[in-house]
Amino acid sequence: MRVLIVDDETLARSILREHLAKIAGVEIVGEAANGFEAVKLAEEVNPELVFLDIQMPKLSGFEVLELLGERAPSVIFTTAYDEFALRAFEVHAVDYLLKPVEPPRLAAAVERAAERLRNKTPAPSAHDLAVSARPPGRTLERILIRHEGRVHVLPLERIDFIEAQDDYLSFSCGGKRLRKQQTMADLESQLDATRFVRIHRSFILNVERLARIDLYGKDSWLAICNDGTKLPMSRTGHAKLKELIG
């Protein structure tokens, strides 16, 4: 079984590597010290199983899986905190190991992973991963986008508006555009409704970017952004926006 170890602590990686070396059939194909390295390595070395720390700088373990999406291998989470256990299993993790990892518990987790591979158990969906990357009850604070081989971490406050383009969403930020494969309905359900309003079937607007509303025709309006961009607005979208801004 091809295994990738991801942990920002050198000692934790060393201990896990030492324990795994004693388990027959395990081949360690790489180690990553942060989430960005993990995403890159996962696609380069094609592991069948990843031991993934949850709390890491820059990208959490859940966000690593969100970026890998349907390409994500089986995962065993490793962390010093048991508060993440429920979320770990919500994304169909093979197992959840508390640090310091105990060898018998580790061996049992590896066997579970091997059984999943034998049974060809499907990986979690990209949607499930995205939802689980956010603590329960909290709206999104940033968008993760892979564009031209790079990972972009996009804070919500930087987004001017979001446009639906076929199976993708286009995020407009200061005149630049970044695209991500996701549905408008899925994203809308995760956004803060006091800051982002779906003004049209194809557009979500950051209310802070609104300069004014212009009447365009019968039962149709234009949202004029601070930079002069004009966005179409439906009757329903107009009602939502007016209710929000008073």
C-alpha atoms as a PDB file:
ATOM      1  CA  MET A   1       0.000   0.000   0.000  1.00  0.00           C
ATOM      2  CA  ARG A   2       1.430   3.359  -1.092  1.00  0.00           C
ATOM      3  CA  VAL A   3       1.325   5.793   1.853  1.00  0.00           C
ATOM      4  CA  LEU A   4       1.806   9.568   2.130  1.00  0.00           C
ATOM      5  CA  ILE A   5       2.472  11.167   5.534  1.00  0.00           C
ATOM      6  CA  VAL A   6       1.310  14.763   6.088  1.00  0.00           C
ATOM      7  CA  ASP A   7       2.123  16.587   9.334  1.00  0.00           C
ATOM      8  CA  ASP A   8       3.685  19.952  10.110  1.00  0.00           C
ATOM      9  CA  GLU A   9       5.616  18.467  13.070  1.00  0.00           C
ATOM     10  CA  THR A  10       8.912  16.775  12.155  1.00  0.00           C
ATOM     11  CA  LEU A  11       8.823  14.544  15.240  1.00  0.00           C
ATOM     12  CA  ALA A  12       5.275  13.382  14.523  1.00  0.00           C
ATOM     13  CA  ARG A  13       6.234  12.408  10.971  1.00  0.00           C
ATOM     14  CA  SER A  14       9.311  10.567  12.258  1.00  0.00           C
ATOM     15  CA  ILE A  15       7.350   8.557  14.833  1.00  0.00           C
ATOM     16  CA  LEU A  16       4.664   7.629  12.332  1.00  0.00           C
ATOM     17  CA  ARG A  17       7.267   6.618   9.757  1.00  0.00           C
ATOM     18  CA  GLU A  18       8.995   4.405  12.314  1.00  0.00           C
ATOM     19  CA  HIS A  19       5.754   2.638  13.287  1.00  0.00           C
ATOM     20  CA  LEU A  20       4.634   2.193   9.678  1.00  0.00           C
ATOM     21  CA  ALA A  21       7.981   0.637   8.739  1.00  0.00           C
ATOM     22  CA  LYS A  22       7.086  -2.306  10.971  1.00  0.00           C
ATOM     23  CA  ILE A  23       3.806  -3.019   9.174  1.00  0.00           C
ATOM     24  CA  ALA A  24       4.073  -5.447   6.260  1.00  0.00           C
ATOM     25  CA  GLY A  25       2.904  -4.235   2.868  1.00  0.00           C
ATOM     26  CA  VAL A  26       3.274  -0.514   3.593  1.00  0.00           C
ATOM     27  CA  GLU A  27       5.427   1.635   1.285  1.00  0.00           C
ATOM     28  CA  ILE A  28       5.972   5.261   2.305  1.00  0.00           C
ATOM     29  CA  VAL A  29       6.104   7.210  -0.954  1.00  0.00           C
ATOM     30  CA  GLY A  30       6.383  10.728   0.451  1.00  0.00           C
ATOM     31  CA  GLU A  31       6.140  13.162   3.348  1.00  0.00           C
ATOM     32  CA  ALA A  32       4.710  16.675   3.425  1.00  0.00           C
ATOM     33  CA  ALA A  33       5.159  19.332   6.106  1.00  0.00           C
ATOM     34  CA  ASN A  34       2.157  21.493   5.146  1.00  0.00           C
ATOM     35  CA  GLY A  35      -1.084  21.464   3.195  1.00  0.00           C
ATOM     36  CA  PHE A  36       0.321  22.978   0.014  1.00  0.00           C
ATOM     37  CA  GLU A  37       3.053  20.329  -0.161  1.00  0.00           C
ATOM     38  CA  ALA A  38       0.433  17.664   0.530  1.00  0.00           C
ATOM     39  CA  VAL A  39      -1.748  18.664  -2.412  1.00  0.00           C
ATOM     40  CA  LYS A  40       1.246  18.756  -4.770  1.00  0.00           C
ATOM     41  CA  LEU A  41       2.733  15.460  -3.549  1.00  0.00           C
ATOM     42  CA  ALA A  42      -0.573  13.615  -3.548  1.00  0.00           C
ATOM     43  CA  GLU A  43      -0.865  14.153  -7.279  1.00  0.00           C
ATOM     44  CA  GLU A  44       2.800  13.433  -7.984  1.00  0.00           C
ATOM     45  CA  VAL A  45       3.245  10.175  -6.039  1.00  0.00           C
ATOM     46  CA  ASN A  46      -0.355   8.899  -6.313  1.00  0.00           C
ATOM     47  CA  PRO A  47      -0.711   7.391  -2.802  1.00  0.00           C
ATOM     48  CA  GLU A  48      -3.446   4.918  -1.950  1.00  0.00           C
ATOM     49  CA  LEU A  49      -3.591   6.115   1.658  1.00  0.00           C
ATOM     50  CA  VAL A  50      -2.653   9.389   3.348  1.00  0.00           C
ATOM     51  CA  PHE A  51      -2.035   9.967   7.046  1.00  0.00           C
ATOM     52  CA  LEU A  52      -3.236  13.527   7.394  1.00  0.00           C
ATOM     53  CA  ASP A  53      -2.837  15.928  10.305  1.00  0.00           C
ATOM     54  CA  ILE A  54      -5.924  18.112  10.728  1.00  0.00           C
ATOM     55  CA  GLN A  55      -4.521  21.258  12.323  1.00  0.00           C
ATOM     56  CA  MET A  56      -1.751  22.711  10.177  1.00  0.00           C
ATOM     57  CA  PRO A  57      -0.702  26.259   9.240  1.00  0.00           C
ATOM     58  CA  LYS A  58      -2.130  27.754   6.039  1.00  0.00           C
ATOM     59  CA  LEU A  59      -4.313  24.780   5.064  1.00  0.00           C
ATOM     60  CA  SER A  60      -6.098  22.363   7.397  1.00  0.00           C
ATOM     61  CA  GLY A  61      -6.299  18.657   6.664  1.00  0.00           C
ATOM     62  CA  PHE A  62      -9.954  19.092   5.664  1.00  0.00           C
ATOM     63  CA  GLU A  63      -8.996  21.820   3.198  1.00  0.00           C
ATOM     64  CA  VAL A  64      -6.303  19.597   1.685  1.00  0.00           C
ATOM     65  CA  LEU A  65      -9.002  17.044   0.938  1.00  0.00           C
ATOM     66  CA  GLU A  66     -11.287  19.708  -0.472  1.00  0.00           C
ATOM     67  CA  LEU A  67      -8.589  20.731  -2.951  1.00  0.00           C
ATOM     68  CA  LEU A  68      -7.897  17.126  -3.946  1.00  0.00           C
ATOM     69  CA  GLY A  69     -11.625  16.551  -4.380  1.00  0.00           C
ATOM     70  CA  GLU A  70     -12.465  13.370  -6.254  1.00  0.00           C
ATOM     71  CA  ARG A  71      -8.737  12.670  -6.624  1.00  0.00           C
ATOM     72  CA  ALA A  72      -8.355  12.270  -2.859  1.00  0.00           C
ATOM     73  CA  PRO A  73      -7.035   8.866  -1.702  1.00  0.00           C
ATOM     74  CA  SER A  74      -8.249   7.049   1.407  1.00  0.00           C
ATOM     75  CA  VAL A  75      -7.410   9.052   4.502  1.00  0.00           C
ATOM     76  CA  ILE A  76      -6.558   8.390   8.139  1.00  0.00           C
ATOM     77  CA  PHE A  77      -6.599  11.584  10.195  1.00  0.00           C
ATOM     78  CA  THR A  78      -3.993  12.103  12.905  1.00  0.00           C
ATOM     79  CA  THR A  79      -4.389  14.835  15.500  1.00  0.00           C
ATOM     80  CA  ALA A  80      -3.860  15.668  19.142  1.00  0.00           C
ATOM     81  CA  TYR A  81      -7.480  16.829  19.521  1.00  0.00           C
ATOM     82  CA  ASP A  82     -10.521  14.564  19.641  1.00  0.00           C
ATOM     83  CA  GLU A  83     -12.958  17.420  18.880  1.00  0.00           C
ATOM     84  CA  PHE A  84     -12.530  16.731  15.151  1.00  0.00           C
ATOM     85  CA  ALA A  85     -13.519  13.074  15.349  1.00  0.00           C
ATOM     86  CA  LEU A  86     -17.123  13.490  14.203  1.00  0.00           C
ATOM     87  CA  ARG A  87     -16.158  15.680  11.250  1.00  0.00           C
ATOM     88  CA  ALA A  88     -13.452  13.194  10.292  1.00  0.00           C
ATOM     89  CA  PHE A  89     -15.978  10.406   9.956  1.00  0.00           C
ATOM     90  CA  GLU A  90     -18.456  12.682   8.203  1.00  0.00           C
ATOM     91  CA  VAL A  91     -15.987  12.825   5.316  1.00  0.00           C
ATOM     92  CA  HIS A  92     -15.750   9.029   5.386  1.00  0.00           C
ATOM     93  CA  ALA A  93     -12.242   8.863   6.778  1.00  0.00           C
ATOM     94  CA  VAL A  94     -10.875   5.346   7.129  1.00  0.00           C
ATOM     95  CA  ASP A  95      -9.985   6.126  10.731  1.00  0.00           C
ATOM     96  CA  TYR A  96      -9.058   8.809  13.222  1.00  0.00           C
ATOM     97  CA  LEU A  97      -5.914   8.441  15.337  1.00  0.00           C
ATOM     98  CA  LEU A  98      -5.109  10.522  18.391  1.00  0.00           C
ATOM     99  CA  LYS A  99      -1.486  11.492  18.988  1.00  0.00           C
ATOM    100  CA  PRO A 100       0.678   9.969  20.250  1.00  0.00           C
ATOM    101  CA  VAL A 101      -0.291   7.141  17.900  1.00  0.00           C
ATOM    102  CA  GLU A 102      -0.274   3.687  19.466  1.00  0.00           C
ATOM    103  CA  PRO A 103       1.204   0.932  17.232  1.00  0.00           C
ATOM    104  CA  PRO A 104      -1.683  -1.588  17.699  1.00  0.00           C
ATOM    105  CA  ARG A 105      -4.237   1.118  16.890  1.00  0.00           C
ATOM    106  CA  LEU A 106      -2.187   2.143  13.861  1.00  0.00           C
ATOM    107  CA  ALA A 107      -1.978  -1.421  12.574  1.00  0.00           C
ATOM    108  CA  ALA A 108      -5.746  -1.799  12.889  1.00  0.00           C
ATOM    109  CA  ALA A 109      -6.307   1.439  10.952  1.00  0.00           C
ATOM    110  CA  VAL A 110      -3.982   0.304   8.155  1.00  0.00           C
ATOM    111  CA  GLU A 111      -5.896  -2.978   7.924  1.00  0.00           C
ATOM    112  CA  ARG A 112      -9.159  -1.052   7.619  1.00  0.00           C
ATOM    113  CA  ALA A 113      -7.639   0.987   4.788  1.00  0.00           C
ATOM    114  CA  ALA A 114      -6.471  -2.181   3.042  1.00  0.00           C
ATOM    115  CA  GLU A 115      -9.968  -3.611   3.307  1.00  0.00           C
ATOM    116  CA  ARG A 116     -11.435  -0.494   1.749  1.00  0.00           C
ATOM    117  CA  LEU A 117      -9.021  -0.774  -1.140  1.00  0.00           C
ATOM    118  CA  ARG A 118      -9.881  -4.423  -1.660  1.00  0.00           C
ATOM    119  CA  ASN A 119     -13.589  -3.590  -1.635  1.00  0.00           C
ATOM    120  CA  LYS A 120     -13.020  -0.506  -3.819  1.00  0.00           C
ATOM    121  CA  THR A 121     -14.983   1.716  -1.436  1.00  0.00           C
ATOM    122  CA  PRO A 122     -15.558   5.064  -3.214  1.00  0.00           C
ATOM    123  CA  ALA A 123     -13.854   8.218  -1.939  1.00  0.00           C
ATOM    124  CA  PRO A 124     -15.975  11.030  -0.460  1.00  0.00           C
ATOM    125  CA  SER A 125     -17.464  13.561  -2.854  1.00  0.00           C
ATOM    126  CA  ALA A 126     -15.913  16.986  -3.335  1.00  0.00           C
ATOM    127  CA  HIS A 127     -19.087  18.509  -1.878  1.00  0.00           C
ATOM    128  CA  ASP A 128     -18.843  16.464   1.320  1.00  0.00           C
ATOM    129  CA  LEU A 129     -15.213  17.472   1.697  1.00  0.00           C
ATOM    130  CA  ALA A 130     -15.987  21.148   1.187  1.00  0.00           C
ATOM    131  CA  VAL A 131     -18.768  21.129   3.776  1.00  0.00           C
ATOM    132  CA  SER A 132     -16.629  19.300   6.317  1.00  0.00           C
ATOM    133  CA  ALA A 133     -13.764  21.744   5.843  1.00  0.00           C
ATOM    134  CA  ARG A 134     -15.871  24.250   7.765  1.00  0.00           C
ATOM    135  CA  PRO A 135     -16.682  23.956  11.491  1.00  0.00           C
ATOM    136  CA  PRO A 136     -20.402  23.324  12.123  1.00  0.00           C
ATOM    137  CA  GLY A 137     -22.550  26.436  12.276  1.00  0.00           C
ATOM    138  CA  ARG A 138     -20.000  28.693  10.595  1.00  0.00           C
ATOM    139  CA  THR A 139     -20.179  30.220   7.140  1.00  0.00           C
ATOM    140  CA  LEU A 140     -17.278  30.183   4.720  1.00  0.00           C
ATOM    141  CA  GLU A 141     -14.406  32.533   5.476  1.00  0.00           C
ATOM    142  CA  ARG A 142     -12.308  31.804   2.393  1.00  0.00           C
ATOM    143  CA  ILE A 143     -12.480  30.041  -0.951  1.00  0.00           C
ATOM    144  CA  LEU A 144      -9.852  27.529  -2.061  1.00  0.00           C
ATOM    145  CA  ILE A 145      -9.180  27.549  -5.798  1.00  0.00           C
ATOM    146  CA  ARG A 146      -6.692  25.639  -7.924  1.00  0.00           C
ATOM    147  CA  HIS A 147      -5.763  27.629 -10.997  1.00  0.00           C
ATOM    148  CA  GLU A 148      -2.988  26.881 -13.494  1.00  0.00           C
ATOM    149  CA  GLY A 149      -1.194  24.572 -11.082  1.00  0.00           C
ATOM    150  CA  ARG A 150      -1.349  26.975  -8.141  1.00  0.00           C
ATOM    151  CA  VAL A 151      -3.502  26.960  -5.012  1.00  0.00           C
ATOM    152  CA  HIS A 152      -5.201  30.280  -4.255  1.00  0.00           C
ATOM    153  CA  VAL A 153      -6.602  30.971  -0.788  1.00  0.00           C
ATOM    154  CA  LEU A 154      -9.174  33.684  -1.381  1.00  0.00           C
ATOM    155  CA  PRO A 155     -10.608  35.538   1.654  1.00  0.00           C
ATOM    156  CA  LEU A 156     -14.320  36.278   1.215  1.00  0.00           C
ATOM    157  CA  GLU A 157     -13.842  40.016   1.743  1.00  0.00           C
ATOM    158  CA  ARG A 158     -11.729  40.193  -1.433  1.00  0.00           C
ATOM    159  CA  ILE A 159     -14.525  38.884  -3.659  1.00  0.00           C
ATOM    160  CA  ASP A 160     -16.509  41.480  -5.626  1.00  0.00           C
ATOM    161  CA  PHE A 161     -19.030  39.122  -7.197  1.00  0.00           C
ATOM    162  CA  ILE A 162     -19.412  35.519  -8.333  1.00  0.00           C
ATOM    163  CA  GLU A 163     -20.692  34.489 -11.751  1.00  0.00           C
ATOM    164  CA  ALA A 164     -21.956  31.069 -12.825  1.00  0.00           C
ATOM    165  CA  GLN A 165     -20.355  29.861 -16.076  1.00  0.00           C
ATOM    166  CA  ASP A 166     -21.606  26.422 -17.129  1.00  0.00           C
ATOM    167  CA  ASP A 167     -20.242  23.952 -14.535  1.00  0.00           C
ATOM    168  CA  TYR A 168     -17.873  26.532 -13.043  1.00  0.00           C
ATOM    169  CA  LEU A 169     -18.020  29.598 -10.849  1.00  0.00           C
ATOM    170  CA  SER A 170     -15.972  32.651 -11.741  1.00  0.00           C
ATOM    171  CA  PHE A 171     -14.801  34.734  -8.775  1.00  0.00           C
ATOM    172  CA  SER A 172     -14.133  38.396  -9.545  1.00  0.00           C
ATOM    173  CA  CYS A 173     -11.534  40.066  -7.300  1.00  0.00           C
ATOM    174  CA  GLY A 174     -10.238  43.516  -8.128  1.00  0.00           C
ATOM    175  CA  GLY A 175     -10.635  42.980 -11.856  1.00  0.00           C
ATOM    176  CA  LYS A 176      -9.086  39.504 -11.838  1.00  0.00           C
ATOM    177  CA  ARG A 177     -10.994  36.273 -12.381  1.00  0.00           C
ATOM    178  CA  LEU A 178     -10.460  32.832 -10.830  1.00  0.00           C
ATOM    179  CA  ARG A 179     -12.568  29.793 -11.717  1.00  0.00           C
ATOM    180  CA  LYS A 180     -13.630  26.807  -9.644  1.00  0.00           C
ATOM    181  CA  GLN A 181     -15.789  23.815 -10.505  1.00  0.00           C
ATOM    182  CA  GLN A 182     -18.775  24.174  -8.179  1.00  0.00           C
ATOM    183  CA  THR A 183     -22.503  24.906  -8.421  1.00  0.00           C
ATOM    184  CA  MET A 184     -24.015  28.243  -7.505  1.00  0.00           C
ATOM    185  CA  ALA A 185     -26.593  26.657  -5.186  1.00  0.00           C
ATOM    186  CA  ASP A 186     -23.894  24.744  -3.309  1.00  0.00           C
ATOM    187  CA  LEU A 187     -21.767  27.845  -2.719  1.00  0.00           C
ATOM    188  CA  GLU A 188     -24.730  30.089  -1.857  1.00  0.00           C
ATOM    189  CA  SER A 189     -25.731  27.775   0.987  1.00  0.00           C
ATOM    190  CA  GLN A 190     -22.274  28.210   2.572  1.00  0.00           C
ATOM    191  CA  LEU A 191     -21.998  32.001   2.334  1.00  0.00           C
ATOM    192  CA  ASP A 192     -22.892  34.643   4.921  1.00  0.00           C
ATOM    193  CA  ALA A 193     -26.335  35.817   3.761  1.00  0.00           C
ATOM    194  CA  THR A 194     -25.789  39.247   5.337  1.00  0.00           C
ATOM    195  CA  ARG A 195     -22.801  39.888   3.051  1.00  0.00           C
ATOM    196  CA  PHE A 196     -23.521  37.977  -0.151  1.00  0.00           C
ATOM    197  CA  VAL A 197     -26.807  38.102  -2.045  1.00  0.00           C
ATOM    198  CA  ARG A 198     -27.842  36.110  -5.081  1.00  0.00           C
ATOM    199  CA  ILE A 199     -29.184  38.923  -7.228  1.00  0.00           C
ATOM    200  CA  HIS A 200     -29.657  36.823 -10.374  1.00  0.00           C
ATOM    201  CA  ARG A 201     -29.611  33.131 -11.260  1.00  0.00           C
ATOM    202  CA  SER A 202     -26.027  33.644 -12.499  1.00  0.00           C
ATOM    203  CA  PHE A 203     -24.687  36.240 -10.045  1.00  0.00           C
ATOM    204  CA  ILE A 204     -23.937  36.554  -6.339  1.00  0.00           C
ATOM    205  CA  LEU A 205     -22.938  40.044  -5.197  1.00  0.00           C
ATOM    206  CA  ASN A 206     -20.773  41.144  -2.286  1.00  0.00           C
ATOM    207  CA  VAL A 207     -23.083  43.842  -0.873  1.00  0.00           C
ATOM    208  CA  GLU A 208     -20.102  45.958   0.176  1.00  0.00           C
ATOM    209  CA  ARG A 209     -19.282  46.449  -3.513  1.00  0.00           C
ATOM    210  CA  LEU A 210     -22.704  47.891  -4.369  1.00  0.00           C
ATOM    211  CA  ALA A 211     -22.676  51.571  -5.412  1.00  0.00           C
ATOM    212  CA  ARG A 212     -26.280  51.916  -6.575  1.00  0.00           C
ATOM    213  CA  ILE A 213     -29.242  50.183  -8.212  1.00  0.00           C
ATOM    214  CA  ASP A 214     -30.448  51.370 -11.641  1.00  0.00           C
ATOM    215  CA  LEU A 215     -33.775  50.533 -13.267  1.00  0.00           C
ATOM    216  CA  TYR A 216     -33.069  48.732 -16.537  1.00  0.00           C
ATOM    217  CA  GLY A 217     -36.528  47.814 -17.779  1.00  0.00           C
ATOM    218  CA  LYS A 218     -39.858  46.513 -16.577  1.00  0.00           C
ATOM    219  CA  ASP A 219     -39.180  44.292 -13.554  1.00  0.00           C
ATOM    220  CA  SER A 220     -35.433  44.346 -14.190  1.00  0.00           C
ATOM    221  CA  TRP A 221     -32.589  46.266 -12.607  1.00  0.00           C
ATOM    222  CA  LEU A 222     -28.828  46.628 -12.741  1.00  0.00           C
ATOM    223  CA  ALA A 223     -26.544  46.460  -9.728  1.00  0.00           C
ATOM    224  CA  ILE A 224     -23.788  48.999 -10.275  1.00  0.00           C
ATOM    225  CA  CYS A 225     -20.571  48.110  -8.447  1.00  0.00           C
ATOM    226  CA  ASN A 226     -18.054  50.576  -7.047  1.00  0.00           C
ATOM    227  CA  ASP A 227     -15.750  49.981 -10.034  1.00  0.00           C
ATOM    228  CA  GLY A 228     -18.563  50.586 -12.519  1.00  0.00           C
ATOM    229  CA  THR A 229     -19.289  46.926 -13.316  1.00  0.00           C
ATOM    230  CA  LYS A 230     -22.964  46.366 -14.182  1.00  0.00           C
ATOM    231  CA  LEU A 231     -24.622  43.150 -13.051  1.00  0.00           C
ATOM    232  CA  PRO A 232     -28.144  42.030 -14.041  1.00  0.00           C
ATOM    233  CA  MET A 233     -30.662  41.679 -11.264  1.00  0.00           C
ATOM    234  CA  SER A 234     -33.865  39.643 -11.281  1.00  0.00           C
ATOM    235  CA  ARG A 235     -37.089  40.614  -9.542  1.00  0.00           C
ATOM    236  CA  THR A 236     -36.362  38.137  -6.756  1.00  0.00           C
ATOM    237  CA  GLY A 237     -32.762  39.293  -6.492  1.00  0.00           C
ATOM    238  CA  HIS A 238     -33.863  42.918  -6.319  1.00  0.00           C
ATOM    239  CA  ALA A 239     -36.286  42.115  -3.484  1.00  0.00           C
ATOM    240  CA  LYS A 240     -33.570  40.243  -1.548  1.00  0.00           C
ATOM    241  CA  LEU A 241     -31.105  43.076  -1.937  1.00  0.00           C
ATOM    242  CA  LYS A 242     -33.583  45.796  -0.996  1.00  0.00           C
ATOM    243  CA  GLU A 243     -34.588  43.838   2.104  1.00  0.00           C
ATOM    244  CA  LEU A 244     -30.964  43.504   3.151  1.00  0.00           C
ATOM    245  CA  ILE A 245     -29.847  47.074   2.588  1.00  0.00           C
ATOM    246  CA  GLY A 246     -33.147  48.605   3.683  1.00  0.00           C
END
